[in-house]
Amino acid sequence: VTNTHSCNLHAECLNTEGSFKCKCKQGY
């Protein structure tokens, strides 16, 4: 939400407790 993640432009950001995860979008 705060946009302080470093996920790829073609990835989804998933918030976790104290951190975050990145997952490539479909087709990537």
mmCIF file of all heavy atoms, coordinates in Angstrom:
data_MODEL
# 
_entry.id   MODEL 
# 
loop_
_atom_site.group_PDB 
_atom_site.id 
_atom_site.type_symbol 
_atom_site.label_atom_id 
_atom_site.label_alt_id 
_atom_site.label_comp_id 
_atom_site.label_asym_id 
_atom_site.label_entity_id 
_atom_site.label_seq_id 
_atom_site.pdbx_PDB_ins_code 
_atom_site.Cartn_x 
_atom_site.Cartn_y 
_atom_site.Cartn_z 
_atom_site.occupancy 
_atom_site.B_iso_or_equiv 
_atom_site.pdbx_formal_charge 
_atom_site.auth_seq_id 
_atom_site.auth_comp_id 
_atom_site.auth_asym_id 
_atom_site.auth_atom_id 
_atom_site.pdbx_PDB_model_num 
ATOM 1   N N   . VAL A 1 1  ? 0.840  -1.206  0.000   1.00 0.00 ? 1  VAL A N   1 
ATOM 2   C CA  . VAL A 1 1  ? 0.000  0.000   0.000   1.00 0.00 ? 1  VAL A CA  1 
ATOM 3   C C   . VAL A 1 1  ? 0.877  1.258   0.000   1.00 0.00 ? 1  VAL A C   1 
ATOM 4   O O   . VAL A 1 1  ? 0.609  2.217   -0.715  1.00 0.00 ? 1  VAL A O   1 
ATOM 5   C CB  . VAL A 1 1  ? -0.966 -0.010  1.218   1.00 0.00 ? 1  VAL A CB  1 
ATOM 6   C CG1 . VAL A 1 1  ? -1.706 1.306   1.331   1.00 0.00 ? 1  VAL A CG1 1 
ATOM 7   C CG2 . VAL A 1 1  ? -1.960 -1.159  1.085   1.00 0.00 ? 1  VAL A CG2 1 
ATOM 8   N N   . THR A 1 2  ? 1.950  1.239   0.807   1.00 0.00 ? 2  THR A N   1 
ATOM 9   C CA  . THR A 1 2  ? 2.820  2.429   0.908   1.00 0.00 ? 2  THR A CA  1 
ATOM 10  C C   . THR A 1 2  ? 3.767  2.534   -0.281  1.00 0.00 ? 2  THR A C   1 
ATOM 11  O O   . THR A 1 2  ? 4.519  3.490   -0.390  1.00 0.00 ? 2  THR A O   1 
ATOM 12  C CB  . THR A 1 2  ? 3.635  2.405   2.216   1.00 0.00 ? 2  THR A CB  1 
ATOM 13  O OG1 . THR A 1 2  ? 4.414  1.194   2.241   1.00 0.00 ? 2  THR A OG1 1 
ATOM 14  C CG2 . THR A 1 2  ? 2.760  2.478   3.441   1.00 0.00 ? 2  THR A CG2 1 
ATOM 15  N N   . ASN A 1 3  ? 3.756  1.513   -1.165  1.00 0.00 ? 3  ASN A N   1 
ATOM 16  C CA  . ASN A 1 3  ? 4.594  1.482   -2.364  1.00 0.00 ? 3  ASN A CA  1 
ATOM 17  C C   . ASN A 1 3  ? 6.083  1.514   -2.026  1.00 0.00 ? 3  ASN A C   1 
ATOM 18  O O   . ASN A 1 3  ? 6.875  2.144   -2.718  1.00 0.00 ? 3  ASN A O   1 
ATOM 19  C CB  . ASN A 1 3  ? 4.225  2.621   -3.309  1.00 0.00 ? 3  ASN A CB  1 
ATOM 20  C CG  . ASN A 1 3  ? 4.119  2.129   -4.749  1.00 0.00 ? 3  ASN A CG  1 
ATOM 21  O OD1 . ASN A 1 3  ? 4.305  0.943   -5.023  1.00 0.00 ? 3  ASN A OD1 1 
ATOM 22  N ND2 . ASN A 1 3  ? 3.837  3.036   -5.669  1.00 0.00 ? 3  ASN A ND2 1 
ATOM 23  N N   . THR A 1 4  ? 6.463  0.860   -0.937  1.00 0.00 ? 4  THR A N   1 
ATOM 24  C CA  . THR A 1 4  ? 7.876  0.804   -0.542  1.00 0.00 ? 4  THR A CA  1 
ATOM 25  C C   . THR A 1 4  ? 8.445  -0.588  -0.810  1.00 0.00 ? 4  THR A C   1 
ATOM 26  O O   . THR A 1 4  ? 9.426  -0.981  -0.210  1.00 0.00 ? 4  THR A O   1 
ATOM 27  C CB  . THR A 1 4  ? 8.042  1.172   0.949   1.00 0.00 ? 4  THR A CB  1 
ATOM 28  O OG1 . THR A 1 4  ? 7.122  0.375   1.705   1.00 0.00 ? 4  THR A OG1 1 
ATOM 29  C CG2 . THR A 1 4  ? 7.779  2.639   1.205   1.00 0.00 ? 4  THR A CG2 1 
ATOM 30  N N   . HIS A 1 5  ? 7.790  -1.334  -1.709  1.00 0.00 ? 5  HIS A N   1 
ATOM 31  C CA  . HIS A 1 5  ? 8.281  -2.675  -2.059  1.00 0.00 ? 5  HIS A CA  1 
ATOM 32  C C   . HIS A 1 5  ? 9.188  -2.576  -3.281  1.00 0.00 ? 5  HIS A C   1 
ATOM 33  O O   . HIS A 1 5  ? 9.265  -1.534  -3.930  1.00 0.00 ? 5  HIS A O   1 
ATOM 34  C CB  . HIS A 1 5  ? 7.102  -3.614  -2.337  1.00 0.00 ? 5  HIS A CB  1 
ATOM 35  C CG  . HIS A 1 5  ? 6.245  -3.155  -3.478  1.00 0.00 ? 5  HIS A CG  1 
ATOM 36  N ND1 . HIS A 1 5  ? 6.563  -3.419  -4.795  1.00 0.00 ? 5  HIS A ND1 1 
ATOM 37  C CD2 . HIS A 1 5  ? 5.100  -2.422  -3.505  1.00 0.00 ? 5  HIS A CD2 1 
ATOM 38  C CE1 . HIS A 1 5  ? 5.660  -2.885  -5.576  1.00 0.00 ? 5  HIS A CE1 1 
ATOM 39  N NE2 . HIS A 1 5  ? 4.746  -2.268  -4.830  1.00 0.00 ? 5  HIS A NE2 1 
ATOM 40  N N   . SER A 1 6  ? 9.873  -3.678  -3.592  1.00 0.00 ? 6  SER A N   1 
ATOM 41  C CA  . SER A 1 6  ? 10.776 -3.686  -4.746  1.00 0.00 ? 6  SER A CA  1 
ATOM 42  C C   . SER A 1 6  ? 10.365 -4.764  -5.741  1.00 0.00 ? 6  SER A C   1 
ATOM 43  O O   . SER A 1 6  ? 11.197 -5.367  -6.398  1.00 0.00 ? 6  SER A O   1 
ATOM 44  C CB  . SER A 1 6  ? 12.211 -3.910  -4.267  1.00 0.00 ? 6  SER A CB  1 
ATOM 45  O OG  . SER A 1 6  ? 12.243 -4.982  -3.332  1.00 0.00 ? 6  SER A OG  1 
ATOM 46  N N   . CYS A 1 7  ? 9.043  -5.023  -5.815  1.00 0.00 ? 7  CYS A N   1 
ATOM 47  C CA  . CYS A 1 7  ? 8.538  -6.031  -6.748  1.00 0.00 ? 7  CYS A CA  1 
ATOM 48  C C   . CYS A 1 7  ? 8.665  -5.524  -8.185  1.00 0.00 ? 7  CYS A C   1 
ATOM 49  O O   . CYS A 1 7  ? 8.593  -4.320  -8.441  1.00 0.00 ? 7  CYS A O   1 
ATOM 50  C CB  . CYS A 1 7  ? 7.063  -6.340  -6.460  1.00 0.00 ? 7  CYS A CB  1 
ATOM 51  S SG  . CYS A 1 7  ? 6.791  -7.136  -4.869  1.00 0.00 ? 7  CYS A SG  1 
ATOM 52  N N   . ASN A 1 8  ? 8.804  -6.492  -9.103  1.00 0.00 ? 8  ASN A N   1 
ATOM 53  C CA  . ASN A 1 8  ? 8.880  -6.191  -10.521 1.00 0.00 ? 8  ASN A CA  1 
ATOM 54  C C   . ASN A 1 8  ? 7.563  -5.569  -10.991 1.00 0.00 ? 8  ASN A C   1 
ATOM 55  O O   . ASN A 1 8  ? 6.509  -5.801  -10.409 1.00 0.00 ? 8  ASN A O   1 
ATOM 56  C CB  . ASN A 1 8  ? 9.160  -7.500  -11.275 1.00 0.00 ? 8  ASN A CB  1 
ATOM 57  C CG  . ASN A 1 8  ? 9.459  -7.257  -12.736 1.00 0.00 ? 8  ASN A CG  1 
ATOM 58  O OD1 . ASN A 1 8  ? 8.568  -7.112  -13.551 1.00 0.00 ? 8  ASN A OD1 1 
ATOM 59  N ND2 . ASN A 1 8  ? 10.741 -7.225  -13.060 1.00 0.00 ? 8  ASN A ND2 1 
ATOM 60  N N   . LEU A 1 9  ? 7.637  -4.803  -12.058 1.00 0.00 ? 9  LEU A N   1 
ATOM 61  C CA  . LEU A 1 9  ? 6.473  -4.157  -12.652 1.00 0.00 ? 9  LEU A CA  1 
ATOM 62  C C   . LEU A 1 9  ? 5.419  -5.198  -13.041 1.00 0.00 ? 9  LEU A C   1 
ATOM 63  O O   . LEU A 1 9  ? 4.222  -4.942  -12.974 1.00 0.00 ? 9  LEU A O   1 
ATOM 64  C CB  . LEU A 1 9  ? 6.939  -3.376  -13.898 1.00 0.00 ? 9  LEU A CB  1 
ATOM 65  C CG  . LEU A 1 9  ? 5.938  -2.439  -14.555 1.00 0.00 ? 9  LEU A CG  1 
ATOM 66  C CD1 . LEU A 1 9  ? 5.599  -1.291  -13.618 1.00 0.00 ? 9  LEU A CD1 1 
ATOM 67  C CD2 . LEU A 1 9  ? 6.515  -1.896  -15.856 1.00 0.00 ? 9  LEU A CD2 1 
ATOM 68  N N   . HIS A 1 10 ? 5.888  -6.414  -13.411 1.00 0.00 ? 10 HIS A N   1 
ATOM 69  C CA  . HIS A 1 10 ? 4.986  -7.488  -13.831 1.00 0.00 ? 10 HIS A CA  1 
ATOM 70  C C   . HIS A 1 10 ? 4.766  -8.492  -12.701 1.00 0.00 ? 10 HIS A C   1 
ATOM 71  O O   . HIS A 1 10 ? 4.597  -9.680  -12.938 1.00 0.00 ? 10 HIS A O   1 
ATOM 72  C CB  . HIS A 1 10 ? 5.537  -8.197  -15.075 1.00 0.00 ? 10 HIS A CB  1 
ATOM 73  C CG  . HIS A 1 10 ? 5.805  -7.251  -16.209 1.00 0.00 ? 10 HIS A CG  1 
ATOM 74  N ND1 . HIS A 1 10 ? 4.802  -6.605  -16.892 1.00 0.00 ? 10 HIS A ND1 1 
ATOM 75  C CD2 . HIS A 1 10 ? 6.969  -6.812  -16.746 1.00 0.00 ? 10 HIS A CD2 1 
ATOM 76  C CE1 . HIS A 1 10 ? 5.339  -5.811  -17.819 1.00 0.00 ? 10 HIS A CE1 1 
ATOM 77  N NE2 . HIS A 1 10 ? 6.652  -5.915  -17.748 1.00 0.00 ? 10 HIS A NE2 1 
ATOM 78  N N   . ALA A 1 11 ? 4.816  -8.000  -11.462 1.00 0.00 ? 11 ALA A N   1 
ATOM 79  C CA  . ALA A 1 11 ? 4.618  -8.884  -10.306 1.00 0.00 ? 11 ALA A CA  1 
ATOM 80  C C   . ALA A 1 11 ? 3.579  -8.298  -9.371  1.00 0.00 ? 11 ALA A C   1 
ATOM 81  O O   . ALA A 1 11 ? 3.330  -7.095  -9.366  1.00 0.00 ? 11 ALA A O   1 
ATOM 82  C CB  . ALA A 1 11 ? 5.934  -9.089  -9.560  1.00 0.00 ? 11 ALA A CB  1 
ATOM 83  N N   . GLU A 1 12 ? 2.964  -9.174  -8.582  1.00 0.00 ? 12 GLU A N   1 
ATOM 84  C CA  . GLU A 1 12 ? 2.007  -8.746  -7.565  1.00 0.00 ? 12 GLU A CA  1 
ATOM 85  C C   . GLU A 1 12 ? 2.741  -8.665  -6.237  1.00 0.00 ? 12 GLU A C   1 
ATOM 86  O O   . GLU A 1 12 ? 3.575  -9.504  -5.933  1.00 0.00 ? 12 GLU A O   1 
ATOM 87  C CB  . GLU A 1 12 ? 0.901  -9.805  -7.421  1.00 0.00 ? 12 GLU A CB  1 
ATOM 88  C CG  . GLU A 1 12 ? -0.223 -9.669  -8.422  1.00 0.00 ? 12 GLU A CG  1 
ATOM 89  C CD  . GLU A 1 12 ? -1.222 -10.803 -8.248  1.00 0.00 ? 12 GLU A CD  1 
ATOM 90  O OE1 . GLU A 1 12 ? -1.844 -10.857 -7.160  1.00 0.00 ? 12 GLU A OE1 1 
ATOM 91  O OE2 . GLU A 1 12 ? -1.331 -11.621 -9.170  1.00 0.00 ? 12 GLU A OE2 1 
ATOM 92  N N   . CYS A 1 13 ? 2.397  -7.665  -5.452  1.00 0.00 ? 13 CYS A N   1 
ATOM 93  C CA  . CYS A 1 13 ? 2.972  -7.527  -4.111  1.00 0.00 ? 13 CYS A CA  1 
ATOM 94  C C   . CYS A 1 13 ? 2.010  -8.141  -3.107  1.00 0.00 ? 13 CYS A C   1 
ATOM 95  O O   . CYS A 1 13 ? 0.812  -7.886  -3.143  1.00 0.00 ? 13 CYS A O   1 
ATOM 96  C CB  . CYS A 1 13 ? 3.205  -6.049  -3.806  1.00 0.00 ? 13 CYS A CB  1 
ATOM 97  S SG  . CYS A 1 13 ? 3.783  -5.738  -2.132  1.00 0.00 ? 13 CYS A SG  1 
ATOM 98  N N   . LEU A 1 14 ? 2.535  -8.987  -2.214  1.00 0.00 ? 14 LEU A N   1 
ATOM 99  C CA  . LEU A 1 14 ? 1.710  -9.610  -1.170  1.00 0.00 ? 14 LEU A CA  1 
ATOM 100 C C   . LEU A 1 14 ? 2.280  -9.215  0.181   1.00 0.00 ? 14 LEU A C   1 
ATOM 101 O O   . LEU A 1 14 ? 3.448  -9.503  0.479   1.00 0.00 ? 14 LEU A O   1 
ATOM 102 C CB  . LEU A 1 14 ? 1.737  -11.150 -1.323  1.00 0.00 ? 14 LEU A CB  1 
ATOM 103 C CG  . LEU A 1 14 ? 1.351  -11.694 -2.710  1.00 0.00 ? 14 LEU A CG  1 
ATOM 104 C CD1 . LEU A 1 14 ? 1.829  -13.119 -2.875  1.00 0.00 ? 14 LEU A CD1 1 
ATOM 105 C CD2 . LEU A 1 14 ? -0.156 -11.623 -2.879  1.00 0.00 ? 14 LEU A CD2 1 
ATOM 106 N N   . ASN A 1 15 ? 1.477  -8.522  0.978   1.00 0.00 ? 15 ASN A N   1 
ATOM 107 C CA  . ASN A 1 15 ? 1.961  -8.083  2.300   1.00 0.00 ? 15 ASN A CA  1 
ATOM 108 C C   . ASN A 1 15 ? 2.056  -9.271  3.254   1.00 0.00 ? 15 ASN A C   1 
ATOM 109 O O   . ASN A 1 15 ? 1.212  -10.152 3.266   1.00 0.00 ? 15 ASN A O   1 
ATOM 110 C CB  . ASN A 1 15 ? 1.027  -7.018  2.881   1.00 0.00 ? 15 ASN A CB  1 
ATOM 111 C CG  . ASN A 1 15 ? 1.593  -6.423  4.155   1.00 0.00 ? 15 ASN A CG  1 
ATOM 112 O OD1 . ASN A 1 15 ? 2.737  -6.002  4.200   1.00 0.00 ? 15 ASN A OD1 1 
ATOM 113 N ND2 . ASN A 1 15 ? 0.795  -6.411  5.200   1.00 0.00 ? 15 ASN A ND2 1 
ATOM 114 N N   . THR A 1 16 ? 3.132  -9.295  4.066   1.00 0.00 ? 16 THR A N   1 
ATOM 115 C CA  . THR A 1 16 ? 3.291  -10.305 5.122   1.00 0.00 ? 16 THR A CA  1 
ATOM 116 C C   . THR A 1 16 ? 3.601  -9.553  6.411   1.00 0.00 ? 16 THR A C   1 
ATOM 117 O O   . THR A 1 16 ? 3.922  -8.369  6.381   1.00 0.00 ? 16 THR A O   1 
ATOM 118 C CB  . THR A 1 16 ? 4.446  -11.290 4.808   1.00 0.00 ? 16 THR A CB  1 
ATOM 119 O OG1 . THR A 1 16 ? 5.665  -10.536 4.756   1.00 0.00 ? 16 THR A OG1 1 
ATOM 120 C CG2 . THR A 1 16 ? 4.249  -12.031 3.511   1.00 0.00 ? 16 THR A CG2 1 
ATOM 121 N N   . GLU A 1 17 ? 3.528  -10.225 7.525   1.00 0.00 ? 17 GLU A N   1 
ATOM 122 C CA  . GLU A 1 17 ? 3.803  -9.610  8.835   1.00 0.00 ? 17 GLU A CA  1 
ATOM 123 C C   . GLU A 1 17 ? 5.276  -9.183  8.888   1.00 0.00 ? 17 GLU A C   1 
ATOM 124 O O   . GLU A 1 17 ? 6.177  -10.019 8.845   1.00 0.00 ? 17 GLU A O   1 
ATOM 125 C CB  . GLU A 1 17 ? 3.482  -10.631 9.931   1.00 0.00 ? 17 GLU A CB  1 
ATOM 126 C CG  . GLU A 1 17 ? 3.317  -10.046 11.325  1.00 0.00 ? 17 GLU A CG  1 
ATOM 127 C CD  . GLU A 1 17 ? 2.185  -9.032  11.470  1.00 0.00 ? 17 GLU A CD  1 
ATOM 128 O OE1 . GLU A 1 17 ? 1.130  -9.164  10.810  1.00 0.00 ? 17 GLU A OE1 1 
ATOM 129 O OE2 . GLU A 1 17 ? 2.371  -8.096  12.258  1.00 0.00 ? 17 GLU A OE2 1 
ATOM 130 N N   . GLY A 1 18 ? 5.508  -7.870  8.892   1.00 0.00 ? 18 GLY A N   1 
ATOM 131 C CA  . GLY A 1 18 ? 6.871  -7.335  8.991   1.00 0.00 ? 18 GLY A CA  1 
ATOM 132 C C   . GLY A 1 18 ? 7.624  -7.279  7.673   1.00 0.00 ? 18 GLY A C   1 
ATOM 133 O O   . GLY A 1 18 ? 8.750  -6.808  7.624   1.00 0.00 ? 18 GLY A O   1 
ATOM 134 N N   . SER A 1 19 ? 7.018  -7.775  6.587   1.00 0.00 ? 19 SER A N   1 
ATOM 135 C CA  . SER A 1 19 ? 7.710  -7.788  5.300   1.00 0.00 ? 19 SER A CA  1 
ATOM 136 C C   . SER A 1 19 ? 6.704  -7.852  4.149   1.00 0.00 ? 19 SER A C   1 
ATOM 137 O O   . SER A 1 19 ? 5.557  -7.439  4.294   1.00 0.00 ? 19 SER A O   1 
ATOM 138 C CB  . SER A 1 19 ? 8.674  -8.976  5.255   1.00 0.00 ? 19 SER A CB  1 
ATOM 139 O OG  . SER A 1 19 ? 9.495  -8.892  4.099   1.00 0.00 ? 19 SER A OG  1 
ATOM 140 N N   . PHE A 1 20 ? 7.142  -8.397  2.989   1.00 0.00 ? 20 PHE A N   1 
ATOM 141 C CA  . PHE A 1 20 ? 6.270  -8.559  1.825   1.00 0.00 ? 20 PHE A CA  1 
ATOM 142 C C   . PHE A 1 20 ? 6.862  -9.638  0.918   1.00 0.00 ? 20 PHE A C   1 
ATOM 143 O O   . PHE A 1 20 ? 8.021  -10.004 1.047   1.00 0.00 ? 20 PHE A O   1 
ATOM 144 C CB  . PHE A 1 20 ? 6.127  -7.232  1.060   1.00 0.00 ? 20 PHE A CB  1 
ATOM 145 C CG  . PHE A 1 20 ? 7.419  -6.743  0.458   1.00 0.00 ? 20 PHE A CG  1 
ATOM 146 C CD1 . PHE A 1 20 ? 7.758  -7.035  -0.859  1.00 0.00 ? 20 PHE A CD1 1 
ATOM 147 C CD2 . PHE A 1 20 ? 8.299  -5.996  1.217   1.00 0.00 ? 20 PHE A CD2 1 
ATOM 148 C CE1 . PHE A 1 20 ? 8.952  -6.593  -1.401  1.00 0.00 ? 20 PHE A CE1 1 
ATOM 149 C CE2 . PHE A 1 20 ? 9.512  -5.555  0.686   1.00 0.00 ? 20 PHE A CE2 1 
ATOM 150 C CZ  . PHE A 1 20 ? 9.832  -5.853  -0.636  1.00 0.00 ? 20 PHE A CZ  1 
ATOM 151 N N   . LYS A 1 21 ? 6.042  -10.133 0.000   1.00 0.00 ? 21 LYS A N   1 
ATOM 152 C CA  . LYS A 1 21 ? 6.482  -11.117 -0.989  1.00 0.00 ? 21 LYS A CA  1 
ATOM 153 C C   . LYS A 1 21 ? 6.084  -10.620 -2.368  1.00 0.00 ? 21 LYS A C   1 
ATOM 154 O O   . LYS A 1 21 ? 5.132  -9.853  -2.509  1.00 0.00 ? 21 LYS A O   1 
ATOM 155 C CB  . LYS A 1 21 ? 5.831  -12.477 -0.727  1.00 0.00 ? 21 LYS A CB  1 
ATOM 156 C CG  . LYS A 1 21 ? 6.451  -13.245 0.424   1.00 0.00 ? 21 LYS A CG  1 
ATOM 157 C CD  . LYS A 1 21 ? 5.783  -14.598 0.611   1.00 0.00 ? 21 LYS A CD  1 
ATOM 158 C CE  . LYS A 1 21 ? 6.460  -15.325 1.778   1.00 0.00 ? 21 LYS A CE  1 
ATOM 159 N NZ  . LYS A 1 21 ? 5.552  -16.266 2.419   1.00 0.00 ? 21 LYS A NZ  1 
ATOM 160 N N   . CYS A 1 22 ? 6.796  -11.079 -3.387  1.00 0.00 ? 22 CYS A N   1 
ATOM 161 C CA  . CYS A 1 22 ? 6.486  -10.713 -4.751  1.00 0.00 ? 22 CYS A CA  1 
ATOM 162 C C   . CYS A 1 22 ? 6.215  -11.981 -5.555  1.00 0.00 ? 22 CYS A C   1 
ATOM 163 O O   . CYS A 1 22 ? 6.934  -12.967 -5.416  1.00 0.00 ? 22 CYS A O   1 
ATOM 164 C CB  . CYS A 1 22 ? 7.655  -9.973  -5.396  1.00 0.00 ? 22 CYS A CB  1 
ATOM 165 S SG  . CYS A 1 22 ? 8.153  -8.490  -4.493  1.00 0.00 ? 22 CYS A SG  1 
ATOM 166 N N   . LYS A 1 23 ? 5.177  -11.938 -6.386  1.00 0.00 ? 23 LYS A N   1 
ATOM 167 C CA  . LYS A 1 23 ? 4.816  -13.105 -7.207  1.00 0.00 ? 23 LYS A CA  1 
ATOM 168 C C   . LYS A 1 23 ? 4.548  -12.616 -8.625  1.00 0.00 ? 23 LYS A C   1 
ATOM 169 O O   . LYS A 1 23 ? 3.745  -11.689 -8.833  1.00 0.00 ? 23 LYS A O   1 
ATOM 170 C CB  . LYS A 1 23 ? 3.563  -13.761 -6.614  1.00 0.00 ? 23 LYS A CB  1 
ATOM 171 C CG  . LYS A 1 23 ? 3.191  -15.086 -7.258  1.00 0.00 ? 23 LYS A CG  1 
ATOM 172 C CD  . LYS A 1 23 ? 1.952  -15.653 -6.599  1.00 0.00 ? 23 LYS A CD  1 
ATOM 173 C CE  . LYS A 1 23 ? 1.477  -16.859 -7.385  1.00 0.00 ? 23 LYS A CE  1 
ATOM 174 N NZ  . LYS A 1 23 ? 0.038  -17.011 -7.356  1.00 0.00 ? 23 LYS A NZ  1 
ATOM 175 N N   . CYS A 1 24 ? 5.263  -13.209 -9.601  1.00 0.00 ? 24 CYS A N   1 
ATOM 176 C CA  . CYS A 1 24 ? 5.087  -12.800 -10.992 1.00 0.00 ? 24 CYS A CA  1 
ATOM 177 C C   . CYS A 1 24 ? 3.643  -13.015 -11.435 1.00 0.00 ? 24 CYS A C   1 
ATOM 178 O O   . CYS A 1 24 ? 3.020  -14.017 -11.082 1.00 0.00 ? 24 CYS A O   1 
ATOM 179 C CB  . CYS A 1 24 ? 6.033  -13.582 -11.900 1.00 0.00 ? 24 CYS A CB  1 
ATOM 180 S SG  . CYS A 1 24 ? 7.767  -13.130 -11.661 1.00 0.00 ? 24 CYS A SG  1 
ATOM 181 N N   . LYS A 1 25 ? 3.142  -12.045 -12.187 1.00 0.00 ? 25 LYS A N   1 
ATOM 182 C CA  . LYS A 1 25 ? 1.759  -12.144 -12.684 1.00 0.00 ? 25 LYS A CA  1 
ATOM 183 C C   . LYS A 1 25 ? 1.651  -13.270 -13.721 1.00 0.00 ? 25 LYS A C   1 
ATOM 184 O O   . LYS A 1 25 ? 2.669  -13.719 -14.256 1.00 0.00 ? 25 LYS A O   1 
ATOM 185 C CB  . LYS A 1 25 ? 1.341  -10.816 -13.325 1.00 0.00 ? 25 LYS A CB  1 
ATOM 186 C CG  . LYS A 1 25 ? 1.133  -9.694  -12.313 1.00 0.00 ? 25 LYS A CG  1 
ATOM 187 C CD  . LYS A 1 25 ? 0.805  -8.384  -12.998 1.00 0.00 ? 25 LYS A CD  1 
ATOM 188 C CE  . LYS A 1 25 ? 0.706  -7.250  -11.979 1.00 0.00 ? 25 LYS A CE  1 
ATOM 189 N NZ  . LYS A 1 25 ? 0.617  -5.946  -12.630 1.00 0.00 ? 25 LYS A NZ  1 
ATOM 190 N N   . GLN A 1 26 ? 0.419  -13.673 -14.003 1.00 0.00 ? 26 GLN A N   1 
ATOM 191 C CA  . GLN A 1 26 ? 0.161  -14.739 -14.983 1.00 0.00 ? 26 GLN A CA  1 
ATOM 192 C C   . GLN A 1 26 ? 0.791  -14.378 -16.330 1.00 0.00 ? 26 GLN A C   1 
ATOM 193 O O   . GLN A 1 26 ? 0.710  -13.232 -16.772 1.00 0.00 ? 26 GLN A O   1 
ATOM 194 C CB  . GLN A 1 26 ? -1.348 -14.943 -15.151 1.00 0.00 ? 26 GLN A CB  1 
ATOM 195 C CG  . GLN A 1 26 ? -1.743 -16.384 -14.954 1.00 0.00 ? 26 GLN A CG  1 
ATOM 196 C CD  . GLN A 1 26 ? -3.254 -16.559 -15.069 1.00 0.00 ? 26 GLN A CD  1 
ATOM 197 O OE1 . GLN A 1 26 ? -4.012 -15.648 -14.788 1.00 0.00 ? 26 GLN A OE1 1 
ATOM 198 N NE2 . GLN A 1 26 ? -3.678 -17.724 -15.472 1.00 0.00 ? 26 GLN A NE2 1 
ATOM 199 N N   . GLY A 1 27 ? 1.457  -15.373 -16.909 1.00 0.00 ? 27 GLY A N   1 
ATOM 200 C CA  . GLY A 1 27 ? 2.118  -15.145 -18.191 1.00 0.00 ? 27 GLY A CA  1 
ATOM 201 C C   . GLY A 1 27 ? 3.575  -14.745 -18.045 1.00 0.00 ? 27 GLY A C   1 
ATOM 202 O O   . GLY A 1 27 ? 4.295  -14.597 -19.026 1.00 0.00 ? 27 GLY A O   1 
ATOM 203 N N   . TYR A 1 28 ? 4.010  -14.548 -16.778 1.00 0.00 ? 28 TYR A N   1 
ATOM 204 C CA  . TYR A 1 28 ? 5.403  -14.208 -16.493 1.00 0.00 ? 28 TYR A CA  1 
ATOM 205 C C   . TYR A 1 28 ? 5.970  -15.225 -15.533 1.00 0.00 ? 28 TYR A C   1 
ATOM 206 O O   . TYR A 1 28 ? 5.242  -15.853 -14.768 1.00 0.00 ? 28 TYR A O   1 
ATOM 207 C CB  . TYR A 1 28 ? 5.509  -12.803 -15.859 1.00 0.00 ? 28 TYR A CB  1 
ATOM 208 C CG  . TYR A 1 28 ? 5.170  -11.686 -16.811 1.00 0.00 ? 28 TYR A CG  1 
ATOM 209 C CD1 . TYR A 1 28 ? 3.858  -11.246 -16.953 1.00 0.00 ? 28 TYR A CD1 1 
ATOM 210 C CD2 . TYR A 1 28 ? 6.173  -11.068 -17.554 1.00 0.00 ? 28 TYR A CD2 1 
ATOM 211 C CE1 . TYR A 1 28 ? 3.540  -10.217 -17.827 1.00 0.00 ? 28 TYR A CE1 1 
ATOM 212 C CE2 . TYR A 1 28 ? 5.864  -10.040 -18.436 1.00 0.00 ? 28 TYR A CE2 1 
ATOM 213 C CZ  . TYR A 1 28 ? 4.564  -9.608  -18.572 1.00 0.00 ? 28 TYR A CZ  1 
ATOM 214 O OH  . TYR A 1 28 ? 4.259  -8.596  -19.425 1.00 0.00 ? 28 TYR A OH  1 
# 
